[in-house]
Structure formats: C-alpha cells, structure tokens
C-alpha cells in the first residue's frame, strides 16, 4: 500500500504539472497576441470597427484592468465590435468576448478575427453534450487573468427592446463572486446592421459603460438578474434623456 507521503508527493506533482501547463498556455497566448500580424491587425480592425459601427462611447467610471464581466444588450453582430473597439488598449488586452462557435468558425476571416484579434472564447450552441457546461468553460478560460464580454439576453433582439436575462450571468458570479460586473447599453446598432443585412447602414451609435455592480451575498437569482438588467435599462434611459435634451436645445 502507498503511504500518505507518497500520495502527497503525487498530488504535489500533479499540481506542479497543471501549473506548468497553465503557464505554457498563457505564454502561447501572449506569443499569438503580440505577433506582428496580430498587432497590426488589431490596430486596423479597431479603426474599421469604429468606422462600421459609428460608435462613440462614455464611461461612468474610469476603465480598469481588473477582472470583470462586461455585459450588454444585444441587437446586432456589430455589438461585439462596438464594445471591443471602445475599450482602451491596455484594458482590451485582457478582455475576451464570448461568442457562438457555429458563427465565428465559418470561413477564413471570422476564425482569424475571433482567435487572432479578439482572443475570443467560442462556445458551442448546437450539439452540446451533457458534460460540456458552457459556464464552466467560460470560467476556466477566464482563469485569474481575463475579463469577458457577454450578452445575457441569450440572442439578438431586433426590436431594440431589452429582453429578460438568462441565468448564465448569475452562475458565473456564483463561481467567481468577487467579479466586477460592468453594465453596457448599446444604442442604435439594430438599425446600423439589422438582422439579415450584410452591409452596415451609415448611422451613428453609442456605447455607454455604467458603474460596476456585484452579486450580493445570499442574493436570489431572479433578484440579481432583475437588478443587472435594470442597470442596463437605466443606462438606456439616461442616454436617451441626454440625447433628447441635446436635440431640444436652441441652435445658436
């Protein structure tokens, strides 16, 4: 029979191998991220994303590089581009969009954008097996290093209305309760690239980043999801009110 010391040595050895594997994975990610083609591609793609989305941005508090979940309303495939290009470069470095694998794995351009430029976390939406928990996959890919961009409505809302949130945001927070959650309201993207349209319409949009919130201790799922959704609704109301006031001001 093995002694307890041998068991401990085996456990320590397994932990050491796991740590080395994680360090190697991060080193490979850094190598891909800082490769010349990826750096040039991100710079050009950031400019292109701002041009295509016509997005300006505003922040309720200064951007931070701490680990966060950026969550937003979802009306268009351009939403990810609008958020990503609105982040400062030092913040963007550690932010990974969560996206549908079936969409971003098609062709040659989309996989390049998703993997080399976004460093996206691609999740299966179809043929998901029982052991493939998307929440566990997200949390694993985040580690202690990355923030993520998600859309808690679970799909694009063509009307521009903000639907009820799915439970994924809550379950992420239960696994990582210290995460900051940054609500985002994206305005007008459903008109710039409506569902089924290939080319964007030349209109302006706005990305409003709100104050961070956290999951409260012992907060019930539905209460949390309602509060998180309300934070986005409040940003929408504030933006539309400011925009209306600006339009109503007398011209000089």
C-alpha atoms as a PDB file:
ATOM      1  CA  UNK A   1       0.000   0.000   0.000  1.00  0.00           C
ATOM      2  CA  UNK A   2       1.124   3.538  -0.712  1.00  0.00           C
ATOM      3  CA  UNK A   3       1.942   5.760   2.223  1.00  0.00           C
ATOM      4  CA  UNK A   4       0.297   9.132   2.805  1.00  0.00           C
ATOM      5  CA  UNK A   5       3.631  10.766   1.935  1.00  0.00           C
ATOM      6  CA  UNK A   6       3.599   9.099  -1.481  1.00  0.00           C
ATOM      7  CA  UNK A   7       0.027  10.277  -2.042  1.00  0.00           C
ATOM      8  CA  UNK A   8       1.013  13.831  -1.113  1.00  0.00           C
ATOM      9  CA  UNK A   9       4.004  13.695  -3.459  1.00  0.00           C
ATOM     10  CA  UNK A  10       1.769  12.504  -6.291  1.00  0.00           C
ATOM     11  CA  UNK A  11      -0.732  15.286  -5.580  1.00  0.00           C
ATOM     12  CA  UNK A  12       2.023  17.911  -5.469  1.00  0.00           C
ATOM     13  CA  UNK A  13       3.466  16.555  -8.713  1.00  0.00           C
ATOM     14  CA  UNK A  14       0.053  16.740 -10.417  1.00  0.00           C
ATOM     15  CA  UNK A  15      -0.426  20.328  -9.212  1.00  0.00           C
ATOM     16  CA  UNK A  16       3.036  21.246 -10.486  1.00  0.00           C
ATOM     17  CA  UNK A  17       2.313  19.749 -13.921  1.00  0.00           C
ATOM     18  CA  UNK A  18      -1.017  21.585 -14.035  1.00  0.00           C
ATOM     19  CA  UNK A  19       0.692  24.871 -13.144  1.00  0.00           C
ATOM     20  CA  UNK A  20       3.352  24.367 -15.817  1.00  0.00           C
ATOM     21  CA  UNK A  21       0.673  23.572 -18.402  1.00  0.00           C
ATOM     22  CA  UNK A  22      -1.233  26.740 -17.491  1.00  0.00           C
ATOM     23  CA  UNK A  23       1.935  28.856 -17.689  1.00  0.00           C
ATOM     24  CA  UNK A  24       2.737  27.360 -21.100  1.00  0.00           C
ATOM     25  CA  UNK A  25      -0.800  28.091 -22.303  1.00  0.00           C
ATOM     26  CA  UNK A  26      -0.551  31.748 -21.188  1.00  0.00           C
ATOM     27  CA  UNK A  27       2.873  32.086 -22.829  1.00  0.00           C
ATOM     28  CA  UNK A  28       1.462  30.743 -26.105  1.00  0.00           C
ATOM     29  CA  UNK A  29      -1.484  33.158 -25.862  1.00  0.00           C
ATOM     30  CA  UNK A  30       0.933  36.060 -25.314  1.00  0.00           C
ATOM     31  CA  UNK A  31       3.010  34.940 -28.291  1.00  0.00           C
ATOM     32  CA  UNK A  32      -0.065  34.871 -30.535  1.00  0.00           C
ATOM     33  CA  UNK A  33      -1.347  38.182 -29.169  1.00  0.00           C
ATOM     34  CA  UNK A  34       1.904  40.099 -29.639  1.00  0.00           C
ATOM     35  CA  UNK A  35       2.765  38.592 -33.031  1.00  0.00           C
ATOM     36  CA  UNK A  36       3.332  41.336 -35.606  1.00  0.00           C
ATOM     37  CA  UNK A  37       0.406  40.350 -37.826  1.00  0.00           C
ATOM     38  CA  UNK A  38      -1.957  40.283 -34.834  1.00  0.00           C
ATOM     39  CA  UNK A  39      -0.811  43.706 -33.564  1.00  0.00           C
ATOM     40  CA  UNK A  40      -1.199  45.308 -36.984  1.00  0.00           C
ATOM     41  CA  UNK A  41      -4.495  43.513 -37.494  1.00  0.00           C
ATOM     42  CA  UNK A  42      -5.912  44.733 -34.169  1.00  0.00           C
ATOM     43  CA  UNK A  43      -4.931  48.334 -34.850  1.00  0.00           C
ATOM     44  CA  UNK A  44      -6.509  48.310 -38.299  1.00  0.00           C
ATOM     45  CA  UNK A  45      -9.525  46.319 -37.163  1.00  0.00           C
ATOM     46  CA  UNK A  46     -10.161  48.687 -34.254  1.00  0.00           C
ATOM     47  CA  UNK A  47     -10.310  51.624 -36.680  1.00  0.00           C
ATOM     48  CA  UNK A  48     -12.516  49.624 -39.047  1.00  0.00           C
ATOM     49  CA  UNK A  49     -14.837  48.601 -36.195  1.00  0.00           C
ATOM     50  CA  UNK A  50     -15.317  52.206 -35.130  1.00  0.00           C
ATOM     51  CA  UNK A  51     -16.000  53.201 -38.719  1.00  0.00           C
ATOM     52  CA  UNK A  52     -18.509  50.390 -39.314  1.00  0.00           C
ATOM     53  CA  UNK A  53     -20.339  50.818 -36.015  1.00  0.00           C
ATOM     54  CA  UNK A  54     -20.170  54.622 -35.933  1.00  0.00           C
ATOM     55  CA  UNK A  55     -19.801  54.228 -32.177  1.00  0.00           C
ATOM     56  CA  UNK A  56     -18.882  56.867 -29.644  1.00  0.00           C
ATOM     57  CA  UNK A  57     -18.532  55.825 -26.003  1.00  0.00           C
ATOM     58  CA  UNK A  58     -18.935  57.143 -22.468  1.00  0.00           C
ATOM     59  CA  UNK A  59     -17.794  55.781 -19.100  1.00  0.00           C
ATOM     60  CA  UNK A  60     -19.496  56.325 -15.738  1.00  0.00           C
ATOM     61  CA  UNK A  61     -16.164  55.500 -14.040  1.00  0.00           C
ATOM     62  CA  UNK A  62     -12.582  55.177 -15.352  1.00  0.00           C
ATOM     63  CA  UNK A  63     -11.769  51.937 -17.241  1.00  0.00           C
ATOM     64  CA  UNK A  64      -9.884  49.353 -15.160  1.00  0.00           C
ATOM     65  CA  UNK A  65      -7.769  46.303 -15.971  1.00  0.00           C
ATOM     66  CA  UNK A  66      -9.171  44.273 -13.049  1.00  0.00           C
ATOM     67  CA  UNK A  67     -11.135  41.115 -13.834  1.00  0.00           C
ATOM     68  CA  UNK A  68     -14.650  41.990 -14.958  1.00  0.00           C
ATOM     69  CA  UNK A  69     -17.707  40.823 -16.832  1.00  0.00           C
ATOM     70  CA  UNK A  70     -18.825  43.395 -19.403  1.00  0.00           C
ATOM     71  CA  UNK A  71     -22.470  42.637 -20.176  1.00  0.00           C
ATOM     72  CA  UNK A  72     -24.707  44.418 -22.665  1.00  0.00           C
ATOM     73  CA  UNK A  73     -27.962  44.424 -24.589  1.00  0.00           C
ATOM     74  CA  UNK A  74     -27.695  42.598 -27.907  1.00  0.00           C
ATOM     75  CA  UNK A  75     -29.254  43.673 -31.217  1.00  0.00           C
ATOM     76  CA  UNK A  76     -26.583  43.145 -33.891  1.00  0.00           C
ATOM     77  CA  UNK A  77     -23.461  41.188 -34.871  1.00  0.00           C
ATOM     78  CA  UNK A  78     -21.657  44.548 -34.625  1.00  0.00           C
ATOM     79  CA  UNK A  79     -22.216  44.727 -30.853  1.00  0.00           C
ATOM     80  CA  UNK A  80     -19.002  42.868 -30.043  1.00  0.00           C
ATOM     81  CA  UNK A  81     -17.022  45.134 -32.383  1.00  0.00           C
ATOM     82  CA  UNK A  82     -18.542  48.259 -30.837  1.00  0.00           C
ATOM     83  CA  UNK A  83     -17.675  47.226 -27.267  1.00  0.00           C
ATOM     84  CA  UNK A  84     -14.235  45.835 -28.131  1.00  0.00           C
ATOM     85  CA  UNK A  85     -13.165  48.927 -30.078  1.00  0.00           C
ATOM     86  CA  UNK A  86     -14.431  51.218 -27.287  1.00  0.00           C
ATOM     87  CA  UNK A  87     -12.084  49.671 -24.713  1.00  0.00           C
ATOM     88  CA  UNK A  88      -8.669  51.306 -24.151  1.00  0.00           C
ATOM     89  CA  UNK A  89      -5.806  49.201 -25.496  1.00  0.00           C
ATOM     90  CA  UNK A  90      -4.407  48.259 -22.078  1.00  0.00           C
ATOM     91  CA  UNK A  91      -7.868  47.069 -20.986  1.00  0.00           C
ATOM     92  CA  UNK A  92      -8.693  45.356 -24.291  1.00  0.00           C
ATOM     93  CA  UNK A  93      -5.558  43.213 -23.911  1.00  0.00           C
ATOM     94  CA  UNK A  94      -7.234  41.267 -21.098  1.00  0.00           C
ATOM     95  CA  UNK A  95     -10.828  41.172 -22.375  1.00  0.00           C
ATOM     96  CA  UNK A  96     -12.178  38.154 -24.254  1.00  0.00           C
ATOM     97  CA  UNK A  97     -15.561  38.262 -25.999  1.00  0.00           C
ATOM     98  CA  UNK A  98     -17.735  35.182 -25.550  1.00  0.00           C
ATOM     99  CA  UNK A  99     -19.204  34.240 -28.926  1.00  0.00           C
ATOM    100  CA  UNK A 100     -21.025  31.466 -30.772  1.00  0.00           C
ATOM    101  CA  UNK A 101     -18.652  28.900 -32.239  1.00  0.00           C
ATOM    102  CA  UNK A 102     -21.004  27.994 -35.105  1.00  0.00           C
ATOM    103  CA  UNK A 103     -20.938  31.622 -36.361  1.00  0.00           C
ATOM    104  CA  UNK A 104     -17.314  32.599 -35.733  1.00  0.00           C
ATOM    105  CA  UNK A 105     -15.806  29.338 -37.012  1.00  0.00           C
ATOM    106  CA  UNK A 106     -17.161  29.665 -40.560  1.00  0.00           C
ATOM    107  CA  UNK A 107     -14.920  30.591 -43.483  1.00  0.00           C
ATOM    108  CA  UNK A 108     -11.415  32.019 -43.118  1.00  0.00           C
ATOM    109  CA  UNK A 109     -11.951  35.614 -41.999  1.00  0.00           C
ATOM    110  CA  UNK A 110     -14.215  35.017 -38.999  1.00  0.00           C
ATOM    111  CA  UNK A 111     -11.932  32.433 -37.304  1.00  0.00           C
ATOM    112  CA  UNK A 112      -8.946  34.758 -37.801  1.00  0.00           C
ATOM    113  CA  UNK A 113     -10.831  37.662 -36.218  1.00  0.00           C
ATOM    114  CA  UNK A 114     -12.133  35.535 -33.346  1.00  0.00           C
ATOM    115  CA  UNK A 115      -8.875  33.787 -32.488  1.00  0.00           C
ATOM    116  CA  UNK A 116      -6.062  36.137 -33.509  1.00  0.00           C
ATOM    117  CA  UNK A 117      -7.640  39.540 -32.933  1.00  0.00           C
ATOM    118  CA  UNK A 118     -10.322  39.011 -30.280  1.00  0.00           C
ATOM    119  CA  UNK A 119      -8.808  36.000 -28.485  1.00  0.00           C
ATOM    120  CA  UNK A 120     -12.484  35.077 -28.139  1.00  0.00           C
ATOM    121  CA  UNK A 121     -13.992  32.282 -26.073  1.00  0.00           C
ATOM    122  CA  UNK A 122     -16.042  30.300 -28.590  1.00  0.00           C
ATOM    123  CA  UNK A 123     -18.890  28.204 -27.198  1.00  0.00           C
ATOM    124  CA  UNK A 124     -20.980  25.507 -28.815  1.00  0.00           C
ATOM    125  CA  UNK A 125     -24.663  26.361 -29.249  1.00  0.00           C
ATOM    126  CA  UNK A 126     -25.531  23.190 -31.125  1.00  0.00           C
ATOM    127  CA  UNK A 127     -24.902  19.550 -30.234  1.00  0.00           C
ATOM    128  CA  UNK A 128     -23.890  20.450 -26.662  1.00  0.00           C
ATOM    129  CA  UNK A 129     -23.151  17.306 -24.647  1.00  0.00           C
ATOM    130  CA  UNK A 130     -24.178  16.860 -21.016  1.00  0.00           C
ATOM    131  CA  UNK A 131     -20.621  17.249 -19.698  1.00  0.00           C
ATOM    132  CA  UNK A 132     -19.961  20.429 -21.741  1.00  0.00           C
ATOM    133  CA  UNK A 133     -21.138  23.082 -19.307  1.00  0.00           C
ATOM    134  CA  UNK A 134     -20.671  26.485 -21.024  1.00  0.00           C
ATOM    135  CA  UNK A 135     -20.403  28.280 -17.664  1.00  0.00           C
ATOM    136  CA  UNK A 136     -17.556  26.014 -16.559  1.00  0.00           C
ATOM    137  CA  UNK A 137     -15.865  26.578 -19.929  1.00  0.00           C
ATOM    138  CA  UNK A 138     -16.114  30.368 -19.576  1.00  0.00           C
ATOM    139  CA  UNK A 139     -14.830  30.390 -16.002  1.00  0.00           C
ATOM    140  CA  UNK A 140     -11.957  28.074 -16.945  1.00  0.00           C
ATOM    141  CA  UNK A 141     -10.930  30.278 -19.887  1.00  0.00           C
ATOM    142  CA  UNK A 142     -11.111  33.406 -17.718  1.00  0.00           C
ATOM    143  CA  UNK A 143      -8.754  31.973 -15.110  1.00  0.00           C
ATOM    144  CA  UNK A 144      -7.453  34.754 -12.876  1.00  0.00           C
ATOM    145  CA  UNK A 145      -6.376  36.885 -15.828  1.00  0.00           C
ATOM    146  CA  UNK A 146      -9.148  37.686 -18.284  1.00  0.00           C
ATOM    147  CA  UNK A 147     -12.364  39.668 -18.326  1.00  0.00           C
ATOM    148  CA  UNK A 148     -15.174  38.705 -20.696  1.00  0.00           C
ATOM    149  CA  UNK A 149     -17.891  40.318 -22.820  1.00  0.00           C
ATOM    150  CA  UNK A 150     -21.277  38.586 -22.757  1.00  0.00           C
ATOM    151  CA  UNK A 151     -24.874  39.240 -23.811  1.00  0.00           C
ATOM    152  CA  UNK A 152     -27.199  37.912 -21.079  1.00  0.00           C
ATOM    153  CA  UNK A 153     -30.361  38.092 -23.213  1.00  0.00           C
ATOM    154  CA  UNK A 154     -29.128  34.977 -24.985  1.00  0.00           C
ATOM    155  CA  UNK A 155     -29.771  36.255 -28.519  1.00  0.00           C
ATOM    156  CA  UNK A 156     -30.185  39.349 -30.662  1.00  0.00           C
ATOM    157  CA  UNK A 157     -33.309  41.456 -30.094  1.00  0.00           C
ATOM    158  CA  UNK A 158     -34.276  43.005 -33.435  1.00  0.00           C
ATOM    159  CA  UNK A 159     -36.782  45.371 -31.812  1.00  0.00           C
ATOM    160  CA  UNK A 160     -34.121  47.103 -29.734  1.00  0.00           C
ATOM    161  CA  UNK A 161     -36.004  46.257 -26.532  1.00  0.00           C
ATOM    162  CA  UNK A 162     -34.030  44.659 -23.689  1.00  0.00           C
ATOM    163  CA  UNK A 163     -35.293  41.127 -23.015  1.00  0.00           C
ATOM    164  CA  UNK A 164     -35.213  39.262 -19.711  1.00  0.00           C
ATOM    165  CA  UNK A 165     -31.757  37.977 -18.819  1.00  0.00           C
ATOM    166  CA  UNK A 166     -30.857  34.293 -18.934  1.00  0.00           C
ATOM    167  CA  UNK A 167     -29.322  32.752 -15.823  1.00  0.00           C
ATOM    168  CA  UNK A 168     -25.743  32.455 -17.149  1.00  0.00           C
ATOM    169  CA  UNK A 169     -24.582  35.769 -15.662  1.00  0.00           C
ATOM    170  CA  UNK A 170     -25.765  34.672 -12.225  1.00  0.00           C
ATOM    171  CA  UNK A 171     -23.997  31.305 -12.402  1.00  0.00           C
ATOM    172  CA  UNK A 172     -20.728  32.948 -13.478  1.00  0.00           C
ATOM    173  CA  UNK A 173     -20.926  35.206 -10.425  1.00  0.00           C
ATOM    174  CA  UNK A 174     -21.691  32.287  -8.119  1.00  0.00           C
ATOM    175  CA  UNK A 175     -18.464  30.638  -9.266  1.00  0.00           C
ATOM    176  CA  UNK A 176     -16.472  33.912  -9.114  1.00  0.00           C
ATOM    177  CA  UNK A 177     -18.345  36.127  -6.598  1.00  0.00           C
ATOM    178  CA  UNK A 178     -15.694  38.883  -6.483  1.00  0.00           C
ATOM    179  CA  UNK A 179     -16.069  39.715 -10.179  1.00  0.00           C
ATOM    180  CA  UNK A 180     -16.992  43.269 -11.074  1.00  0.00           C
ATOM    181  CA  UNK A 181     -19.928  43.438 -13.475  1.00  0.00           C
ATOM    182  CA  UNK A 182     -19.995  46.410 -15.833  1.00  0.00           C
ATOM    183  CA  UNK A 183     -23.396  47.090 -17.444  1.00  0.00           C
ATOM    184  CA  UNK A 184     -23.321  48.426 -21.012  1.00  0.00           C
ATOM    185  CA  UNK A 185     -26.053  49.963 -23.120  1.00  0.00           C
ATOM    186  CA  UNK A 186     -25.521  49.918 -26.904  1.00  0.00           C
ATOM    187  CA  UNK A 187     -27.724  52.350 -28.805  1.00  0.00           C
ATOM    188  CA  UNK A 188     -28.911  52.131 -32.432  1.00  0.00           C
ATOM    189  CA  UNK A 189     -26.867  49.114 -33.536  1.00  0.00           C
ATOM    190  CA  UNK A 190     -30.023  47.272 -34.635  1.00  0.00           C
ATOM    191  CA  UNK A 191     -30.568  49.981 -37.270  1.00  0.00           C
ATOM    192  CA  UNK A 192     -26.930  50.052 -38.421  1.00  0.00           C
ATOM    193  CA  UNK A 193     -26.783  46.307 -39.099  1.00  0.00           C
ATOM    194  CA  UNK A 194     -30.286  44.800 -38.890  1.00  0.00           C
ATOM    195  CA  UNK A 195     -30.775  41.045 -38.838  1.00  0.00           C
ATOM    196  CA  UNK A 196     -30.210  39.576 -42.307  1.00  0.00           C
ATOM    197  CA  UNK A 197     -28.296  42.574 -43.694  1.00  0.00           C
ATOM    198  CA  UNK A 198     -24.698  42.089 -44.867  1.00  0.00           C
ATOM    199  CA  UNK A 199     -23.506  45.711 -45.074  1.00  0.00           C
ATOM    200  CA  UNK A 200     -23.964  48.341 -42.346  1.00  0.00           C
ATOM    201  CA  UNK A 201     -26.094  51.455 -42.797  1.00  0.00           C
ATOM    202  CA  UNK A 202     -24.058  54.681 -42.245  1.00  0.00           C
ATOM    203  CA  UNK A 203     -25.593  55.818 -38.944  1.00  0.00           C
ATOM    204  CA  UNK A 204     -24.180  56.754 -35.543  1.00  0.00           C
ATOM    205  CA  UNK A 205     -24.320  54.631 -32.390  1.00  0.00           C
ATOM    206  CA  UNK A 206     -23.221  54.919 -28.783  1.00  0.00           C
ATOM    207  CA  UNK A 207     -21.754  52.555 -26.183  1.00  0.00           C
ATOM    208  CA  UNK A 208     -22.458  53.627 -22.577  1.00  0.00           C
ATOM    209  CA  UNK A 209     -20.447  51.890 -19.820  1.00  0.00           C
ATOM    210  CA  UNK A 210     -22.073  52.063 -16.378  1.00  0.00           C
ATOM    211  CA  UNK A 211     -20.830  51.809 -12.801  1.00  0.00           C
ATOM    212  CA  UNK A 212     -19.740  48.302 -11.738  1.00  0.00           C
ATOM    213  CA  UNK A 213     -22.089  46.143  -9.680  1.00  0.00           C
ATOM    214  CA  UNK A 214     -21.510  42.905  -7.761  1.00  0.00           C
ATOM    215  CA  UNK A 215     -23.515  39.854  -6.764  1.00  0.00           C
ATOM    216  CA  UNK A 216     -24.742  40.494  -3.222  1.00  0.00           C
ATOM    217  CA  UNK A 217     -24.308  37.893  -0.513  1.00  0.00           C
ATOM    218  CA  UNK A 218     -27.273  35.484  -0.467  1.00  0.00           C
ATOM    219  CA  UNK A 219     -28.941  37.389  -3.330  1.00  0.00           C
ATOM    220  CA  UNK A 220     -31.561  35.281  -5.100  1.00  0.00           C
ATOM    221  CA  UNK A 221     -31.095  34.523  -8.775  1.00  0.00           C
ATOM    222  CA  UNK A 222     -34.180  36.344 -10.066  1.00  0.00           C
ATOM    223  CA  UNK A 223     -33.483  39.390  -7.871  1.00  0.00           C
ATOM    224  CA  UNK A 224     -29.922  39.588  -9.163  1.00  0.00           C
ATOM    225  CA  UNK A 225     -30.899  39.158 -12.816  1.00  0.00           C
ATOM    226  CA  UNK A 226     -33.597  41.823 -12.485  1.00  0.00           C
ATOM    227  CA  UNK A 227     -31.106  44.223 -10.856  1.00  0.00           C
ATOM    228  CA  UNK A 228     -28.446  43.555 -13.510  1.00  0.00           C
ATOM    229  CA  UNK A 229     -30.982  44.125 -16.302  1.00  0.00           C
ATOM    230  CA  UNK A 230     -32.264  47.287 -14.635  1.00  0.00           C
ATOM    231  CA  UNK A 231     -28.717  48.685 -14.648  1.00  0.00           C
ATOM    232  CA  UNK A 232     -28.726  48.435 -18.468  1.00  0.00           C
ATOM    233  CA  UNK A 233     -32.245  49.895 -18.677  1.00  0.00           C
ATOM    234  CA  UNK A 234     -31.113  52.831 -16.511  1.00  0.00           C
ATOM    235  CA  UNK A 235     -28.194  53.492 -18.866  1.00  0.00           C
ATOM    236  CA  UNK A 236     -30.594  53.426 -21.803  1.00  0.00           C
ATOM    237  CA  UNK A 237     -32.938  55.903 -20.116  1.00  0.00           C
ATOM    238  CA  UNK A 238     -30.063  58.224 -19.155  1.00  0.00           C
ATOM    239  CA  UNK A 239     -28.617  58.181 -22.663  1.00  0.00           C
ATOM    240  CA  UNK A 240     -31.951  58.785 -24.394  1.00  0.00           C
ATOM    241  CA  UNK A 241     -32.802  61.581 -21.951  1.00  0.00           C
ATOM    242  CA  UNK A 242     -29.462  63.325 -22.562  1.00  0.00           C
ATOM    243  CA  UNK A 243     -29.859  62.898 -26.303  1.00  0.00           C
ATOM    244  CA  UNK A 244     -33.385  64.335 -26.229  1.00  0.00           C
ATOM    245  CA  UNK A 245     -32.285  67.326 -24.153  1.00  0.00           C
ATOM    246  CA  UNK A 246     -29.383  67.936 -26.550  1.00  0.00           C
ATOM    247  CA  UNK A 247     -31.711  67.869 -29.570  1.00  0.00           C
ATOM    248  CA  UNK A 248     -34.190  70.221 -27.868  1.00  0.00           C
ATOM    249  CA  UNK A 249     -31.571  72.887 -27.129  1.00  0.00           C
ATOM    250  CA  UNK A 250     -31.965  76.020 -29.283  1.00  0.00           C
ATOM    251  CA  UNK A 251     -29.400  76.259 -32.061  1.00  0.00           C
ATOM    252  CA  UNK A 252     -27.042  79.300 -31.810  1.00  0.00           C
END
